[in-house]
Amino acid sequence: MDTKFRDKVVSKFDRLEGDVEQMERKAERFTNRLREDLVQESLHDRCPCDREDCICREILPWLGFLGLSYAAGWVVSLFMHHRAYEWFQTLNQPVWAPPEWIFPLVCTVMHFLLGTAMWLAWRKMGCHRISHLLALFVVFLILKVGWSYCFFHLQSPFAGFVDLLWAFGAIVLLAISMAPIHRLGAILLIPEVLWTGYLLILNWAYWRMN
């Protein structure tokens, strides 16, 4: 009699222990899911449509990066006024200098690629994890504006050359830092690296010839 009672108690205790373990597993899964939701919510603010591919999370940030890039290009053009253009025409030109019409076309494409590359990195990692890329992006834009100011407004090819040295270093560092985060973004920066390097050599030629 005692043996049957003991076996029954042990059987109920085993079932109870199994139920407790099952509840612990369910609680752990719920906690993990809740933690993942909190992390995602911290990376991306909720928007009214609550979709991952909505315009708030995709198009608007992309337009923001493009806007910053093109805004810097617009400021660059402000220093290319009529007086600066007349001065530029008096300079000795390298025989391999490109025609003037190609500069606006190339710069338009470069600003598009630069803004898109930054958006791709932001889209993958978020602002906090690419803060160093954002800093290099802003520094590069400021240096590009500074080059236009030095070369055209101050009419100093030497100052423009020094500024472009820093700008070239900034865009190279940006491309290298981008590569481990987003390979396509780094590839999109290669034309900007080549174009800035070409401008650096061209600026050096203007300085040496004038």
C-alpha atoms as a PDB file:
ATOM      1  CA  MET A   1       0.000   0.000   0.000  1.00  0.00           C
ATOM      2  CA  ASP A   2       2.800   2.368   0.938  1.00  0.00           C
ATOM      3  CA  THR A   3       4.652   1.482  -2.236  1.00  0.00           C
ATOM      4  CA  LYS A   4       1.673   2.303  -4.476  1.00  0.00           C
ATOM      5  CA  PHE A   5       1.115   5.607  -2.705  1.00  0.00           C
ATOM      6  CA  ARG A   6       4.772   6.522  -3.010  1.00  0.00           C
ATOM      7  CA  ASP A   7       4.831   5.654  -6.728  1.00  0.00           C
ATOM      8  CA  LYS A   8       1.738   7.778  -7.292  1.00  0.00           C
ATOM      9  CA  VAL A   9       3.296  10.742  -5.488  1.00  0.00           C
ATOM     10  CA  VAL A  10       6.542  10.366  -7.444  1.00  0.00           C
ATOM     11  CA  SER A  11       4.586  10.199 -10.725  1.00  0.00           C
ATOM     12  CA  LYS A  12       2.643  13.381  -9.930  1.00  0.00           C
ATOM     13  CA  PHE A  13       5.845  15.132  -8.873  1.00  0.00           C
ATOM     14  CA  ASP A  14       7.530  14.160 -12.163  1.00  0.00           C
ATOM     15  CA  ARG A  15       4.594  15.515 -14.180  1.00  0.00           C
ATOM     16  CA  LEU A  16       4.638  18.717 -12.156  1.00  0.00           C
ATOM     17  CA  GLU A  17       8.355  19.096 -12.709  1.00  0.00           C
ATOM     18  CA  GLY A  18       7.848  18.607 -16.461  1.00  0.00           C
ATOM     19  CA  ASP A  19       5.114  21.269 -16.505  1.00  0.00           C
ATOM     20  CA  VAL A  20       7.412  23.700 -14.697  1.00  0.00           C
ATOM     21  CA  GLU A  21      10.221  23.121 -17.197  1.00  0.00           C
ATOM     22  CA  GLN A  22       7.814  23.640 -20.103  1.00  0.00           C
ATOM     23  CA  MET A  23       6.593  26.914 -18.592  1.00  0.00           C
ATOM     24  CA  GLU A  24      10.192  28.068 -18.114  1.00  0.00           C
ATOM     25  CA  ARG A  25      10.959  27.379 -21.792  1.00  0.00           C
ATOM     26  CA  LYS A  26       7.878  29.323 -22.886  1.00  0.00           C
ATOM     27  CA  ALA A  27       8.831  32.222 -20.615  1.00  0.00           C
ATOM     28  CA  GLU A  28      12.363  32.234 -22.040  1.00  0.00           C
ATOM     29  CA  ARG A  29      11.073  32.303 -25.627  1.00  0.00           C
ATOM     30  CA  PHE A  30       8.718  35.143 -24.758  1.00  0.00           C
ATOM     31  CA  THR A  31      11.530  37.109 -23.096  1.00  0.00           C
ATOM     32  CA  ASN A  32      13.832  36.647 -26.097  1.00  0.00           C
ATOM     33  CA  ARG A  33      11.110  37.754 -28.513  1.00  0.00           C
ATOM     34  CA  LEU A  34      10.363  40.792 -26.365  1.00  0.00           C
ATOM     35  CA  ARG A  35      14.059  41.702 -26.239  1.00  0.00           C
ATOM     36  CA  GLU A  36      14.342  41.482 -30.052  1.00  0.00           C
ATOM     37  CA  ASP A  37      11.288  43.707 -30.487  1.00  0.00           C
ATOM     38  CA  LEU A  38      12.769  46.301 -28.136  1.00  0.00           C
ATOM     39  CA  VAL A  39      16.069  46.305 -30.017  1.00  0.00           C
ATOM     40  CA  GLN A  40      14.337  46.764 -33.359  1.00  0.00           C
ATOM     41  CA  GLU A  41      12.193  49.541 -31.961  1.00  0.00           C
ATOM     42  CA  SER A  42      15.263  51.334 -30.611  1.00  0.00           C
ATOM     43  CA  LEU A  43      16.944  51.197 -34.028  1.00  0.00           C
ATOM     44  CA  HIS A  44      13.918  52.400 -35.984  1.00  0.00           C
ATOM     45  CA  ASP A  45      11.233  54.667 -34.657  1.00  0.00           C
ATOM     46  CA  ARG A  46       7.731  53.422 -35.220  1.00  0.00           C
ATOM     47  CA  CYS A  47       5.839  55.057 -38.029  1.00  0.00           C
ATOM     48  CA  PRO A  48       2.068  55.109 -38.577  1.00  0.00           C
ATOM     49  CA  CYS A  49       2.025  52.412 -41.243  1.00  0.00           C
ATOM     50  CA  ASP A  50       4.248  50.087 -39.142  1.00  0.00           C
ATOM     51  CA  ARG A  51       5.921  48.509 -42.188  1.00  0.00           C
ATOM     52  CA  GLU A  52       9.606  47.732 -42.584  1.00  0.00           C
ATOM     53  CA  ASP A  53       9.716  49.057 -46.170  1.00  0.00           C
ATOM     54  CA  CYS A  54       7.549  52.132 -45.683  1.00  0.00           C
ATOM     55  CA  ILE A  55       8.453  55.564 -47.010  1.00  0.00           C
ATOM     56  CA  CYS A  56       9.360  56.845 -43.534  1.00  0.00           C
ATOM     57  CA  ARG A  57      12.206  54.336 -43.185  1.00  0.00           C
ATOM     58  CA  GLU A  58      13.360  54.037 -46.773  1.00  0.00           C
ATOM     59  CA  ILE A  59      12.733  56.973 -49.103  1.00  0.00           C
ATOM     60  CA  LEU A  60      12.911  59.904 -46.690  1.00  0.00           C
ATOM     61  CA  PRO A  61      16.343  59.011 -45.214  1.00  0.00           C
ATOM     62  CA  TRP A  62      17.680  58.407 -48.727  1.00  0.00           C
ATOM     63  CA  LEU A  63      16.425  61.814 -49.829  1.00  0.00           C
ATOM     64  CA  GLY A  64      17.999  63.282 -46.708  1.00  0.00           C
ATOM     65  CA  PHE A  65      21.472  61.978 -47.552  1.00  0.00           C
ATOM     66  CA  LEU A  66      21.067  63.042 -51.172  1.00  0.00           C
ATOM     67  CA  GLY A  67      19.913  66.457 -49.992  1.00  0.00           C
ATOM     68  CA  LEU A  68      23.023  66.942 -47.854  1.00  0.00           C
ATOM     69  CA  SER A  69      25.279  65.893 -50.701  1.00  0.00           C
ATOM     70  CA  TYR A  70      23.605  68.114 -53.283  1.00  0.00           C
ATOM     71  CA  ALA A  71      23.421  71.018 -50.821  1.00  0.00           C
ATOM     72  CA  ALA A  72      27.201  70.920 -50.528  1.00  0.00           C
ATOM     73  CA  GLY A  73      27.436  70.924 -54.324  1.00  0.00           C
ATOM     74  CA  TRP A  74      25.172  73.973 -54.461  1.00  0.00           C
ATOM     75  CA  VAL A  75      27.375  75.843 -51.981  1.00  0.00           C
ATOM     76  CA  VAL A  76      30.408  74.932 -54.107  1.00  0.00           C
ATOM     77  CA  SER A  77      28.747  76.538 -57.137  1.00  0.00           C
ATOM     78  CA  LEU A  78      28.208  79.794 -55.237  1.00  0.00           C
ATOM     79  CA  PHE A  79      31.941  80.493 -55.263  1.00  0.00           C
ATOM     80  CA  MET A  80      32.136  79.984 -59.031  1.00  0.00           C
ATOM     81  CA  HIS A  81      30.818  83.477 -59.734  1.00  0.00           C
ATOM     82  CA  HIS A  82      31.474  85.613 -62.790  1.00  0.00           C
ATOM     83  CA  ARG A  83      34.656  87.220 -61.433  1.00  0.00           C
ATOM     84  CA  ALA A  84      36.088  83.838 -60.480  1.00  0.00           C
ATOM     85  CA  TYR A  85      35.229  82.457 -63.924  1.00  0.00           C
ATOM     86  CA  GLU A  86      37.021  85.351 -65.641  1.00  0.00           C
ATOM     87  CA  TRP A  87      40.087  84.743 -63.476  1.00  0.00           C
ATOM     88  CA  PHE A  88      40.006  81.034 -64.276  1.00  0.00           C
ATOM     89  CA  GLN A  89      40.030  81.781 -68.015  1.00  0.00           C
ATOM     90  CA  THR A  90      43.326  83.640 -67.619  1.00  0.00           C
ATOM     91  CA  LEU A  91      45.116  80.619 -66.140  1.00  0.00           C
ATOM     92  CA  ASN A  92      47.495  78.448 -68.142  1.00  0.00           C
ATOM     93  CA  GLN A  93      45.517  75.270 -68.861  1.00  0.00           C
ATOM     94  CA  PRO A  94      47.008  71.741 -68.897  1.00  0.00           C
ATOM     95  CA  VAL A  95      46.536  70.103 -72.284  1.00  0.00           C
ATOM     96  CA  TRP A  96      44.816  67.166 -70.574  1.00  0.00           C
ATOM     97  CA  ALA A  97      42.297  69.324 -68.697  1.00  0.00           C
ATOM     98  CA  PRO A  98      38.694  68.201 -69.400  1.00  0.00           C
ATOM     99  CA  PRO A  99      36.145  70.494 -71.077  1.00  0.00           C
ATOM    100  CA  GLU A 100      34.254  72.760 -68.699  1.00  0.00           C
ATOM    101  CA  TRP A 101      30.844  71.232 -69.446  1.00  0.00           C
ATOM    102  CA  ILE A 102      31.875  67.888 -67.983  1.00  0.00           C
ATOM    103  CA  PHE A 103      32.287  69.182 -64.425  1.00  0.00           C
ATOM    104  CA  PRO A 104      28.571  69.786 -63.622  1.00  0.00           C
ATOM    105  CA  LEU A 105      27.632  66.447 -65.163  1.00  0.00           C
ATOM    106  CA  VAL A 106      30.241  64.459 -63.244  1.00  0.00           C
ATOM    107  CA  CYS A 107      29.542  66.276 -59.964  1.00  0.00           C
ATOM    108  CA  THR A 108      25.819  65.523 -60.274  1.00  0.00           C
ATOM    109  CA  VAL A 109      26.536  61.799 -60.602  1.00  0.00           C
ATOM    110  CA  MET A 110      29.116  61.850 -57.802  1.00  0.00           C
ATOM    111  CA  HIS A 111      26.751  63.521 -55.331  1.00  0.00           C
ATOM    112  CA  PHE A 112      24.092  60.916 -56.137  1.00  0.00           C
ATOM    113  CA  LEU A 113      26.500  58.012 -55.561  1.00  0.00           C
ATOM    114  CA  LEU A 114      27.874  59.547 -52.360  1.00  0.00           C
ATOM    115  CA  GLY A 115      24.440  60.114 -50.825  1.00  0.00           C
ATOM    116  CA  THR A 116      23.223  56.656 -51.852  1.00  0.00           C
ATOM    117  CA  ALA A 117      26.309  54.952 -50.381  1.00  0.00           C
ATOM    118  CA  MET A 118      25.753  56.673 -47.031  1.00  0.00           C
ATOM    119  CA  TRP A 119      22.073  55.707 -47.072  1.00  0.00           C
ATOM    120  CA  LEU A 120      22.939  52.041 -47.699  1.00  0.00           C
ATOM    121  CA  ALA A 121      25.271  52.005 -44.688  1.00  0.00           C
ATOM    122  CA  TRP A 122      22.682  53.763 -42.513  1.00  0.00           C
ATOM    123  CA  ARG A 123      19.940  51.398 -43.669  1.00  0.00           C
ATOM    124  CA  LYS A 124      21.979  48.370 -42.612  1.00  0.00           C
ATOM    125  CA  MET A 125      23.503  49.559 -39.336  1.00  0.00           C
ATOM    126  CA  GLY A 126      21.644  52.640 -38.061  1.00  0.00           C
ATOM    127  CA  CYS A 127      23.062  56.048 -37.139  1.00  0.00           C
ATOM    128  CA  HIS A 128      24.756  55.039 -33.893  1.00  0.00           C
ATOM    129  CA  ARG A 129      26.839  52.286 -35.496  1.00  0.00           C
ATOM    130  CA  ILE A 130      28.047  54.402 -38.434  1.00  0.00           C
ATOM    131  CA  SER A 131      28.796  57.594 -36.502  1.00  0.00           C
ATOM    132  CA  HIS A 132      32.398  57.462 -37.781  1.00  0.00           C
ATOM    133  CA  LEU A 133      31.130  57.232 -41.369  1.00  0.00           C
ATOM    134  CA  LEU A 134      28.787  60.158 -40.819  1.00  0.00           C
ATOM    135  CA  ALA A 135      31.678  62.211 -39.429  1.00  0.00           C
ATOM    136  CA  LEU A 136      33.865  61.436 -42.473  1.00  0.00           C
ATOM    137  CA  PHE A 137      30.937  62.183 -44.785  1.00  0.00           C
ATOM    138  CA  VAL A 138      30.410  65.629 -43.258  1.00  0.00           C
ATOM    139  CA  VAL A 139      34.150  66.381 -43.186  1.00  0.00           C
ATOM    140  CA  PHE A 140      34.459  65.459 -46.864  1.00  0.00           C
ATOM    141  CA  LEU A 141      31.568  67.725 -47.853  1.00  0.00           C
ATOM    142  CA  ILE A 142      33.028  70.620 -45.864  1.00  0.00           C
ATOM    143  CA  LEU A 143      36.419  70.111 -47.507  1.00  0.00           C
ATOM    144  CA  LYS A 144      34.847  70.073 -50.968  1.00  0.00           C
ATOM    145  CA  VAL A 145      33.169  73.394 -50.186  1.00  0.00           C
ATOM    146  CA  GLY A 146      36.473  74.658 -48.808  1.00  0.00           C
ATOM    147  CA  TRP A 147      38.243  73.731 -52.029  1.00  0.00           C
ATOM    148  CA  SER A 148      35.844  75.813 -54.105  1.00  0.00           C
ATOM    149  CA  TYR A 149      36.287  78.726 -51.717  1.00  0.00           C
ATOM    150  CA  CYS A 150      40.100  78.516 -51.804  1.00  0.00           C
ATOM    151  CA  PHE A 151      40.498  77.905 -55.523  1.00  0.00           C
ATOM    152  CA  PHE A 152      37.826  80.170 -57.012  1.00  0.00           C
ATOM    153  CA  HIS A 153      36.911  82.758 -54.381  1.00  0.00           C
ATOM    154  CA  LEU A 154      40.428  83.284 -53.002  1.00  0.00           C
ATOM    155  CA  GLN A 155      41.907  82.562 -56.444  1.00  0.00           C
ATOM    156  CA  SER A 156      44.616  80.428 -54.852  1.00  0.00           C
ATOM    157  CA  PRO A 157      45.467  77.145 -56.606  1.00  0.00           C
ATOM    158  CA  PHE A 158      47.965  76.338 -53.833  1.00  0.00           C
ATOM    159  CA  ALA A 159      45.336  76.642 -51.072  1.00  0.00           C
ATOM    160  CA  GLY A 160      42.954  74.582 -53.183  1.00  0.00           C
ATOM    161  CA  PHE A 161      45.607  71.887 -53.599  1.00  0.00           C
ATOM    162  CA  VAL A 162      46.209  71.669 -49.840  1.00  0.00           C
ATOM    163  CA  ASP A 163      42.462  71.458 -49.212  1.00  0.00           C
ATOM    164  CA  LEU A 164      42.047  68.712 -51.805  1.00  0.00           C
ATOM    165  CA  LEU A 165      44.825  66.709 -50.145  1.00  0.00           C
ATOM    166  CA  TRP A 166      42.688  66.529 -47.007  1.00  0.00           C
ATOM    167  CA  ALA A 167      39.526  65.879 -49.020  1.00  0.00           C
ATOM    168  CA  PHE A 168      41.197  62.988 -50.848  1.00  0.00           C
ATOM    169  CA  GLY A 169      42.300  61.488 -47.531  1.00  0.00           C
ATOM    170  CA  ALA A 170      38.773  61.836 -46.126  1.00  0.00           C
ATOM    171  CA  ILE A 171      37.064  60.099 -49.058  1.00  0.00           C
ATOM    172  CA  VAL A 172      39.655  57.278 -49.075  1.00  0.00           C
ATOM    173  CA  LEU A 173      39.101  56.711 -45.351  1.00  0.00           C
ATOM    174  CA  LEU A 174      35.346  56.783 -45.908  1.00  0.00           C
ATOM    175  CA  ALA A 175      35.540  54.128 -48.629  1.00  0.00           C
ATOM    176  CA  ILE A 176      37.858  51.905 -46.547  1.00  0.00           C
ATOM    177  CA  SER A 177      35.640  52.246 -43.462  1.00  0.00           C
ATOM    178  CA  MET A 178      32.530  51.566 -45.545  1.00  0.00           C
ATOM    179  CA  ALA A 179      33.821  48.280 -46.998  1.00  0.00           C
ATOM    180  CA  PRO A 180      33.317  46.058 -43.886  1.00  0.00           C
ATOM    181  CA  ILE A 181      29.855  47.533 -43.304  1.00  0.00           C
ATOM    182  CA  HIS A 182      28.360  47.590 -46.797  1.00  0.00           C
ATOM    183  CA  ARG A 183      30.361  46.362 -49.799  1.00  0.00           C
ATOM    184  CA  LEU A 184      28.061  47.909 -52.403  1.00  0.00           C
ATOM    185  CA  GLY A 185      28.255  51.250 -50.600  1.00  0.00           C
ATOM    186  CA  ALA A 186      32.058  51.090 -50.742  1.00  0.00           C
ATOM    187  CA  ILE A 187      31.921  50.291 -54.464  1.00  0.00           C
ATOM    188  CA  LEU A 188      29.698  53.314 -55.058  1.00  0.00           C
ATOM    189  CA  LEU A 189      32.373  55.493 -53.445  1.00  0.00           C
ATOM    190  CA  ILE A 190      35.138  54.364 -55.834  1.00  0.00           C
ATOM    191  CA  PRO A 191      34.164  56.883 -58.573  1.00  0.00           C
ATOM    192  CA  GLU A 192      34.291  59.688 -55.991  1.00  0.00           C
ATOM    193  CA  VAL A 193      37.746  58.528 -54.875  1.00  0.00           C
ATOM    194  CA  LEU A 194      38.997  58.494 -58.485  1.00  0.00           C
ATOM    195  CA  TRP A 195      37.384  61.856 -59.306  1.00  0.00           C
ATOM    196  CA  THR A 196      38.809  63.549 -56.202  1.00  0.00           C
ATOM    197  CA  GLY A 197      42.235  62.107 -56.998  1.00  0.00           C
ATOM    198  CA  TYR A 198      41.965  63.422 -60.552  1.00  0.00           C
ATOM    199  CA  LEU A 199      40.986  66.882 -59.286  1.00  0.00           C
ATOM    200  CA  LEU A 200      43.963  66.794 -56.922  1.00  0.00           C
ATOM    201  CA  ILE A 201      46.377  66.142 -59.802  1.00  0.00           C
ATOM    202  CA  LEU A 202      44.638  68.736 -61.967  1.00  0.00           C
ATOM    203  CA  ASN A 203      44.797  71.311 -59.177  1.00  0.00           C
ATOM    204  CA  TRP A 204      48.518  70.570 -58.745  1.00  0.00           C
ATOM    205  CA  ALA A 205      49.038  71.233 -62.461  1.00  0.00           C
ATOM    206  CA  TYR A 206      47.242  74.601 -62.230  1.00  0.00           C
ATOM    207  CA  TRP A 207      49.392  75.546 -59.245  1.00  0.00           C
ATOM    208  CA  ARG A 208      52.656  74.602 -60.954  1.00  0.00           C
ATOM    209  CA  MET A 209      51.764  76.277 -64.266  1.00  0.00           C
ATOM    210  CA  ASN A 210      50.537  79.516 -62.756  1.00  0.00           C
END
